[in-house]
Amino acid sequence: MFQLDRVAAAWAKDTKRDPAMVRAEISAMLHDTAHAPLAGLVGEPMVNVLQMNLDLRRKFGSPA
């Protein structure tokens, strides 16, 4: 979530889409894939950054 605005702006620019829509889509993807250790019993939710980058490429195509 810390880098969401920067990442969404870059993908919106590369794909020529509305930044707010791209941000909302990426935010939804993050919430769907985030998980906390021990089935959510401890710690903060984490995201596999490599998998997220692959999902972004799959959804929006390769960046320009």
N, C-alpha and C. Protein backbone atom coordinates (compact mmCIF):
# COMPACT_ATOMS: atom_id res chain seq x y z
N MET A 1 0.82 -1.19 0.00
CA MET A 1 0.00 0.00 0.00
C MET A 1 0.87 1.26 0.00
N PHE A 2 2.09 1.12 0.52
CA PHE A 2 3.01 2.25 0.61
C PHE A 2 3.34 2.81 -0.78
N GLN A 3 3.46 1.94 -1.78
CA GLN A 3 3.85 2.35 -3.12
C GLN A 3 2.68 2.41 -4.09
N LEU A 4 1.47 2.23 -3.61
CA LEU A 4 0.30 2.12 -4.48
C LEU A 4 0.15 3.30 -5.42
N ASP A 5 0.24 4.53 -4.93
CA ASP A 5 0.05 5.70 -5.78
C ASP A 5 1.09 5.77 -6.89
N ARG A 6 2.34 5.51 -6.56
CA ARG A 6 3.41 5.57 -7.55
C ARG A 6 3.24 4.48 -8.61
N VAL A 7 2.94 3.27 -8.17
CA VAL A 7 2.77 2.15 -9.10
C VAL A 7 1.55 2.37 -9.98
N ALA A 8 0.44 2.80 -9.40
CA ALA A 8 -0.78 3.04 -10.18
C ALA A 8 -0.56 4.14 -11.21
N ALA A 9 0.13 5.20 -10.84
CA ALA A 9 0.39 6.29 -11.78
C ALA A 9 1.25 5.82 -12.95
N ALA A 10 2.24 5.00 -12.67
CA ALA A 10 3.11 4.49 -13.73
C ALA A 10 2.33 3.57 -14.67
N TRP A 11 1.52 2.67 -14.13
CA TRP A 11 0.74 1.77 -14.99
C TRP A 11 -0.31 2.55 -15.78
N ALA A 12 -0.91 3.55 -15.17
CA ALA A 12 -1.91 4.36 -15.88
C ALA A 12 -1.26 5.11 -17.04
N LYS A 13 -0.07 5.64 -16.81
CA LYS A 13 0.64 6.36 -17.87
C LYS A 13 1.01 5.41 -19.00
N ASP A 14 1.55 4.23 -18.66
CA ASP A 14 1.97 3.26 -19.68
C ASP A 14 0.80 2.70 -20.48
N THR A 15 -0.33 2.52 -19.83
CA THR A 15 -1.48 1.91 -20.52
C THR A 15 -2.50 2.93 -20.99
N LYS A 16 -2.23 4.23 -20.72
CA LYS A 16 -3.11 5.33 -21.13
C LYS A 16 -4.53 5.13 -20.61
N ARG A 17 -4.62 4.83 -19.30
CA ARG A 17 -5.90 4.63 -18.64
C ARG A 17 -6.03 5.64 -17.51
N ASP A 18 -7.24 5.77 -17.00
CA ASP A 18 -7.53 6.69 -15.90
C ASP A 18 -6.78 6.24 -14.64
N PRO A 19 -5.95 7.13 -14.06
CA PRO A 19 -5.17 6.75 -12.87
C PRO A 19 -6.04 6.28 -11.70
N ALA A 20 -7.19 6.89 -11.51
CA ALA A 20 -8.07 6.49 -10.40
C ALA A 20 -8.59 5.07 -10.60
N MET A 21 -8.92 4.73 -11.83
CA MET A 21 -9.42 3.37 -12.12
C MET A 21 -8.31 2.34 -11.91
N VAL A 22 -7.12 2.66 -12.38
CA VAL A 22 -5.98 1.74 -12.23
C VAL A 22 -5.66 1.56 -10.76
N ARG A 23 -5.68 2.66 -10.00
CA ARG A 23 -5.41 2.58 -8.56
C ARG A 23 -6.44 1.70 -7.87
N ALA A 24 -7.70 1.84 -8.22
CA ALA A 24 -8.76 1.03 -7.61
C ALA A 24 -8.58 -0.45 -7.95
N GLU A 25 -8.22 -0.74 -9.20
CA GLU A 25 -8.02 -2.13 -9.60
C GLU A 25 -6.83 -2.76 -8.88
N ILE A 26 -5.74 -2.01 -8.78
CA ILE A 26 -4.55 -2.53 -8.08
C ILE A 26 -4.84 -2.70 -6.60
N SER A 27 -5.55 -1.75 -6.01
CA SER A 27 -5.92 -1.85 -4.59
C SER A 27 -6.75 -3.10 -4.33
N ALA A 28 -7.70 -3.37 -5.22
CA ALA A 28 -8.52 -4.58 -5.07
C ALA A 28 -7.66 -5.83 -5.20
N MET A 29 -6.71 -5.82 -6.13
CA MET A 29 -5.82 -6.97 -6.29
C MET A 29 -4.99 -7.18 -5.02
N LEU A 30 -4.51 -6.08 -4.42
CA LEU A 30 -3.72 -6.19 -3.20
C LEU A 30 -4.55 -6.77 -2.05
N HIS A 31 -5.77 -6.30 -1.91
CA HIS A 31 -6.62 -6.79 -0.83
C HIS A 31 -6.99 -8.26 -1.03
N ASP A 32 -7.13 -8.67 -2.29
CA ASP A 32 -7.47 -10.07 -2.58
C ASP A 32 -6.31 -11.02 -2.32
N THR A 33 -5.07 -10.55 -2.52
CA THR A 33 -3.92 -11.45 -2.40
C THR A 33 -3.17 -11.33 -1.07
N ALA A 34 -3.47 -10.31 -0.27
CA ALA A 34 -2.76 -10.13 1.00
C ALA A 34 -3.14 -11.22 2.00
N HIS A 35 -2.17 -11.67 2.75
CA HIS A 35 -2.43 -12.66 3.80
C HIS A 35 -1.45 -12.44 4.96
N ALA A 36 -1.90 -12.72 6.14
CA ALA A 36 -1.07 -12.58 7.34
C ALA A 36 -0.55 -13.97 7.73
N PRO A 37 0.60 -14.02 8.39
CA PRO A 37 1.16 -15.31 8.83
C PRO A 37 0.21 -16.06 9.77
N LEU A 38 0.36 -17.36 9.77
CA LEU A 38 -0.42 -18.26 10.63
C LEU A 38 -1.92 -18.05 10.44
N ALA A 39 -2.33 -18.01 9.20
CA ALA A 39 -3.75 -17.88 8.83
C ALA A 39 -4.38 -16.62 9.41
N GLY A 40 -3.59 -15.55 9.50
CA GLY A 40 -4.11 -14.27 9.98
C GLY A 40 -4.09 -14.07 11.47
N LEU A 41 -3.51 -15.00 12.20
CA LEU A 41 -3.49 -14.89 13.66
C LEU A 41 -2.47 -13.89 14.17
N VAL A 42 -1.36 -13.72 13.44
CA VAL A 42 -0.31 -12.81 13.89
C VAL A 42 0.19 -11.96 12.73
N GLY A 43 0.74 -10.82 13.05
CA GLY A 43 1.43 -10.01 12.06
C GLY A 43 0.51 -9.23 11.13
N GLU A 44 1.16 -8.47 10.28
CA GLU A 44 0.48 -7.65 9.29
C GLU A 44 0.30 -8.45 8.00
N PRO A 45 -0.75 -8.17 7.26
CA PRO A 45 -0.92 -8.83 5.95
C PRO A 45 0.26 -8.51 5.03
N MET A 46 0.69 -9.51 4.27
CA MET A 46 1.82 -9.37 3.35
C MET A 46 1.37 -9.73 1.95
N VAL A 47 2.13 -9.24 0.98
CA VAL A 47 1.86 -9.54 -0.43
C VAL A 47 3.15 -10.04 -1.06
N ASN A 48 3.05 -11.05 -1.90
CA ASN A 48 4.18 -11.52 -2.66
C ASN A 48 4.38 -10.54 -3.82
N VAL A 49 5.43 -9.74 -3.77
CA VAL A 49 5.65 -8.67 -4.74
C VAL A 49 5.89 -9.23 -6.14
N LEU A 50 6.62 -10.32 -6.26
CA LEU A 50 6.86 -10.94 -7.56
C LEU A 50 5.54 -11.37 -8.18
N GLN A 51 4.71 -12.05 -7.40
CA GLN A 51 3.42 -12.49 -7.92
C GLN A 51 2.54 -11.31 -8.30
N MET A 52 2.60 -10.25 -7.51
CA MET A 52 1.81 -9.04 -7.82
C MET A 52 2.26 -8.43 -9.13
N ASN A 53 3.58 -8.34 -9.35
CA ASN A 53 4.10 -7.81 -10.61
C ASN A 53 3.68 -8.67 -11.79
N LEU A 54 3.70 -9.97 -11.63
CA LEU A 54 3.25 -10.86 -12.70
C LEU A 54 1.76 -10.67 -12.98
N ASP A 55 0.96 -10.52 -11.93
CA ASP A 55 -0.47 -10.29 -12.10
C ASP A 55 -0.74 -8.96 -12.80
N LEU A 56 0.04 -7.93 -12.47
CA LEU A 56 -0.11 -6.62 -13.13
C LEU A 56 0.21 -6.72 -14.61
N ARG A 57 1.26 -7.44 -14.95
CA ARG A 57 1.61 -7.63 -16.37
C ARG A 57 0.51 -8.40 -17.09
N ARG A 58 -0.04 -9.40 -16.41
CA ARG A 58 -1.11 -10.20 -17.01
C ARG A 58 -2.35 -9.34 -17.26
N LYS A 59 -2.66 -8.47 -16.32
CA LYS A 59 -3.88 -7.66 -16.40
C LYS A 59 -3.72 -6.48 -17.36
N PHE A 60 -2.60 -5.76 -17.29
CA PHE A 60 -2.42 -4.53 -18.05
C PHE A 60 -1.46 -4.66 -19.23
N GLY A 61 -0.79 -5.78 -19.39
CA GLY A 61 0.19 -5.94 -20.44
C GLY A 61 1.56 -5.46 -20.00
N SER A 62 2.53 -5.61 -20.86
CA SER A 62 3.89 -5.17 -20.54
C SER A 62 3.98 -3.66 -20.55
N PRO A 63 4.72 -3.08 -19.59
CA PRO A 63 4.88 -1.61 -19.60
C PRO A 63 5.67 -1.16 -20.82
N ALA A 64 5.42 0.06 -21.23
CA ALA A 64 6.08 0.61 -22.42
C ALA A 64 7.53 0.90 -22.17
